């Protein structure tokens, strides 16, 4: 369950801005603030079932975006390649310092995407 929550969290980071504001807020409260369906329903003045349906519909939409655009997949691939390049640089003594620093900067960027908490 935690892995799925983390996956949805990442998908929200990548695709959240394309969601309608209300649905984005509900997902943020549910996944990032860990509020219950009932707490969110009370906040928005809707039923618990309406919140659950919104969460499920939005999850499906986020997975659809990822299937079509693949931003999260490509991000994870870039992160893995950057980490591997850094590890290779650390093992080599003859790598120019400028190249080593650029790879470290790349690792820092792909390890912490904008919006990921």
C-alpha atoms as a PDB file:
ATOM      1  CA  UNK A   1       0.000   0.000   0.000  1.00  0.00           C
ATOM      2  CA  UNK A   2       2.786   2.432   0.910  1.00  0.00           C
ATOM      3  CA  UNK A   3       4.449   1.881  -2.477  1.00  0.00           C
ATOM      4  CA  UNK A   4       1.186   2.685  -4.270  1.00  0.00           C
ATOM      5  CA  UNK A   5       0.766   5.828  -2.159  1.00  0.00           C
ATOM      6  CA  UNK A   6       4.317   6.864  -3.022  1.00  0.00           C
ATOM      7  CA  UNK A   7       3.676   6.190  -6.720  1.00  0.00           C
ATOM      8  CA  UNK A   8       0.533   8.338  -6.657  1.00  0.00           C
ATOM      9  CA  UNK A   9       2.468  11.036  -4.797  1.00  0.00           C
ATOM     10  CA  UNK A  10       5.057  11.125  -7.552  1.00  0.00           C
ATOM     11  CA  UNK A  11       2.353  11.152 -10.225  1.00  0.00           C
ATOM     12  CA  UNK A  12       0.724  14.095  -8.459  1.00  0.00           C
ATOM     13  CA  UNK A  13       4.056  15.904  -8.499  1.00  0.00           C
ATOM     14  CA  UNK A  14       4.400  15.387 -12.238  1.00  0.00           C
ATOM     15  CA  UNK A  15       0.798  15.731 -13.404  1.00  0.00           C
ATOM     16  CA  UNK A  16      -1.046  17.460 -10.562  1.00  0.00           C
ATOM     17  CA  UNK A  17      -1.118  20.842 -12.252  1.00  0.00           C
ATOM     18  CA  UNK A  18      -3.244  19.508 -15.113  1.00  0.00           C
ATOM     19  CA  UNK A  19      -5.968  18.372 -12.709  1.00  0.00           C
ATOM     20  CA  UNK A  20      -8.874  20.630 -11.804  1.00  0.00           C
ATOM     21  CA  UNK A  21      -8.065  22.552  -8.622  1.00  0.00           C
ATOM     22  CA  UNK A  22     -10.688  20.853  -6.445  1.00  0.00           C
ATOM     23  CA  UNK A  23      -9.559  17.341  -7.428  1.00  0.00           C
ATOM     24  CA  UNK A  24      -5.915  18.309  -6.942  1.00  0.00           C
ATOM     25  CA  UNK A  25      -6.735  19.615  -3.459  1.00  0.00           C
ATOM     26  CA  UNK A  26      -8.612  16.431  -2.538  1.00  0.00           C
ATOM     27  CA  UNK A  27      -5.717  14.264  -3.722  1.00  0.00           C
ATOM     28  CA  UNK A  28      -3.223  16.432  -1.865  1.00  0.00           C
ATOM     29  CA  UNK A  29      -5.199  16.143   1.364  1.00  0.00           C
ATOM     30  CA  UNK A  30      -5.613  12.393   0.936  1.00  0.00           C
ATOM     31  CA  UNK A  31      -2.080  11.449  -0.111  1.00  0.00           C
ATOM     32  CA  UNK A  32       0.176  14.197   1.201  1.00  0.00           C
ATOM     33  CA  UNK A  33      -1.651  15.310   4.345  1.00  0.00           C
ATOM     34  CA  UNK A  34      -2.964  11.789   5.105  1.00  0.00           C
ATOM     35  CA  UNK A  35      -6.502  12.951   5.873  1.00  0.00           C
ATOM     36  CA  UNK A  36      -9.263  10.357   5.928  1.00  0.00           C
ATOM     37  CA  UNK A  37     -12.077  10.293   3.412  1.00  0.00           C
ATOM     38  CA  UNK A  38     -14.437  11.511   6.118  1.00  0.00           C
ATOM     39  CA  UNK A  39     -12.204  14.443   7.067  1.00  0.00           C
ATOM     40  CA  UNK A  40     -11.919  15.513   3.440  1.00  0.00           C
ATOM     41  CA  UNK A  41     -15.674  15.117   2.930  1.00  0.00           C
ATOM     42  CA  UNK A  42     -16.315  17.389   5.897  1.00  0.00           C
ATOM     43  CA  UNK A  43     -13.848  19.975   4.582  1.00  0.00           C
ATOM     44  CA  UNK A  44     -15.527  20.136   1.172  1.00  0.00           C
ATOM     45  CA  UNK A  45     -19.100  19.594   2.346  1.00  0.00           C
ATOM     46  CA  UNK A  46     -19.547  16.437   0.282  1.00  0.00           C
ATOM     47  CA  UNK A  47     -20.102  12.785   1.093  1.00  0.00           C
ATOM     48  CA  UNK A  48     -17.368  10.330   1.950  1.00  0.00           C
ATOM     49  CA  UNK A  49     -18.396   8.324  -1.121  1.00  0.00           C
ATOM     50  CA  UNK A  50     -17.941  11.371  -3.349  1.00  0.00           C
ATOM     51  CA  UNK A  51     -14.405  11.795  -2.021  1.00  0.00           C
ATOM     52  CA  UNK A  52     -13.631   8.125  -2.619  1.00  0.00           C
ATOM     53  CA  UNK A  53     -14.955   8.313  -6.186  1.00  0.00           C
ATOM     54  CA  UNK A  54     -12.901  11.445  -6.817  1.00  0.00           C
ATOM     55  CA  UNK A  55      -9.754   9.763  -5.491  1.00  0.00           C
ATOM     56  CA  UNK A  56     -10.282   6.634  -7.613  1.00  0.00           C
ATOM     57  CA  UNK A  57     -11.159   8.596 -10.756  1.00  0.00           C
ATOM     58  CA  UNK A  58      -8.139  10.846 -10.312  1.00  0.00           C
ATOM     59  CA  UNK A  59      -5.803   7.904  -9.682  1.00  0.00           C
ATOM     60  CA  UNK A  60      -6.993   6.374 -12.961  1.00  0.00           C
ATOM     61  CA  UNK A  61      -6.428   9.673 -14.747  1.00  0.00           C
ATOM     62  CA  UNK A  62      -2.906  10.027 -13.308  1.00  0.00           C
ATOM     63  CA  UNK A  63      -1.996   6.507 -14.439  1.00  0.00           C
ATOM     64  CA  UNK A  64      -3.389   7.355 -17.880  1.00  0.00           C
ATOM     65  CA  UNK A  65      -1.172  10.435 -18.115  1.00  0.00           C
ATOM     66  CA  UNK A  66       1.845   8.388 -17.090  1.00  0.00           C
ATOM     67  CA  UNK A  67       1.022   5.684 -19.626  1.00  0.00           C
ATOM     68  CA  UNK A  68       0.783   8.244 -22.426  1.00  0.00           C
ATOM     69  CA  UNK A  69       3.566  10.658 -21.423  1.00  0.00           C
ATOM     70  CA  UNK A  70       5.907   8.562 -19.283  1.00  0.00           C
ATOM     71  CA  UNK A  71       7.381  11.500 -17.371  1.00  0.00           C
ATOM     72  CA  UNK A  72       7.819   9.581 -14.119  1.00  0.00           C
ATOM     73  CA  UNK A  73       9.344   6.573 -15.871  1.00  0.00           C
ATOM     74  CA  UNK A  74      11.809   8.766 -17.755  1.00  0.00           C
ATOM     75  CA  UNK A  75      12.612  10.677 -14.582  1.00  0.00           C
ATOM     76  CA  UNK A  76      13.431   7.450 -12.739  1.00  0.00           C
ATOM     77  CA  UNK A  77      15.580   6.271 -15.656  1.00  0.00           C
ATOM     78  CA  UNK A  78      17.480   9.571 -15.707  1.00  0.00           C
ATOM     79  CA  UNK A  79      17.980   9.334 -11.949  1.00  0.00           C
ATOM     80  CA  UNK A  80      19.396   5.804 -12.248  1.00  0.00           C
ATOM     81  CA  UNK A  81      21.757   6.807 -15.076  1.00  0.00           C
ATOM     82  CA  UNK A  82      22.934   9.896 -13.199  1.00  0.00           C
ATOM     83  CA  UNK A  83      23.644   7.869 -10.058  1.00  0.00           C
ATOM     84  CA  UNK A  84      25.529   5.274 -12.094  1.00  0.00           C
ATOM     85  CA  UNK A  85      27.588   7.978 -13.832  1.00  0.00           C
ATOM     86  CA  UNK A  86      28.435   9.519 -10.475  1.00  0.00           C
ATOM     87  CA  UNK A  87      29.477   6.142  -9.087  1.00  0.00           C
ATOM     88  CA  UNK A  88      31.717   5.576 -12.115  1.00  0.00           C
ATOM     89  CA  UNK A  89      33.284   9.021 -11.666  1.00  0.00           C
ATOM     90  CA  UNK A  90      33.953   8.420  -7.999  1.00  0.00           C
ATOM     91  CA  UNK A  91      35.849   5.243  -8.862  1.00  0.00           C
ATOM     92  CA  UNK A  92      38.038   6.952 -11.463  1.00  0.00           C
ATOM     93  CA  UNK A  93      40.862   9.284 -10.580  1.00  0.00           C
ATOM     94  CA  UNK A  94      41.369  10.781 -14.033  1.00  0.00           C
ATOM     95  CA  UNK A  95      37.920  12.350 -14.507  1.00  0.00           C
ATOM     96  CA  UNK A  96      38.122  16.132 -14.976  1.00  0.00           C
ATOM     97  CA  UNK A  97      36.756  18.003 -11.964  1.00  0.00           C
ATOM     98  CA  UNK A  98      34.361  19.985 -14.165  1.00  0.00           C
ATOM     99  CA  UNK A  99      32.780  16.804 -15.490  1.00  0.00           C
ATOM    100  CA  UNK A 100      32.544  15.340 -11.997  1.00  0.00           C
ATOM    101  CA  UNK A 101      30.822  18.502 -10.728  1.00  0.00           C
ATOM    102  CA  UNK A 102      28.366  18.514 -13.643  1.00  0.00           C
ATOM    103  CA  UNK A 103      27.425  14.895 -12.939  1.00  0.00           C
ATOM    104  CA  UNK A 104      26.951  15.728  -9.241  1.00  0.00           C
ATOM    105  CA  UNK A 105      24.711  18.649 -10.248  1.00  0.00           C
ATOM    106  CA  UNK A 106      22.714  16.373 -12.551  1.00  0.00           C
ATOM    107  CA  UNK A 107      22.285  13.866  -9.718  1.00  0.00           C
ATOM    108  CA  UNK A 108      21.037  16.632  -7.434  1.00  0.00           C
ATOM    109  CA  UNK A 109      18.468  17.735 -10.011  1.00  0.00           C
ATOM    110  CA  UNK A 110      17.087  14.299 -10.819  1.00  0.00           C
ATOM    111  CA  UNK A 111      17.067  13.178  -7.195  1.00  0.00           C
ATOM    112  CA  UNK A 112      14.840  16.046  -6.084  1.00  0.00           C
ATOM    113  CA  UNK A 113      12.272  17.002  -8.756  1.00  0.00           C
ATOM    114  CA  UNK A 114      10.451  20.262  -8.248  1.00  0.00           C
ATOM    115  CA  UNK A 115       7.443  19.737  -6.038  1.00  0.00           C
ATOM    116  CA  UNK A 116       8.526  16.391  -4.586  1.00  0.00           C
ATOM    117  CA  UNK A 117       8.459  16.518  -0.830  1.00  0.00           C
END
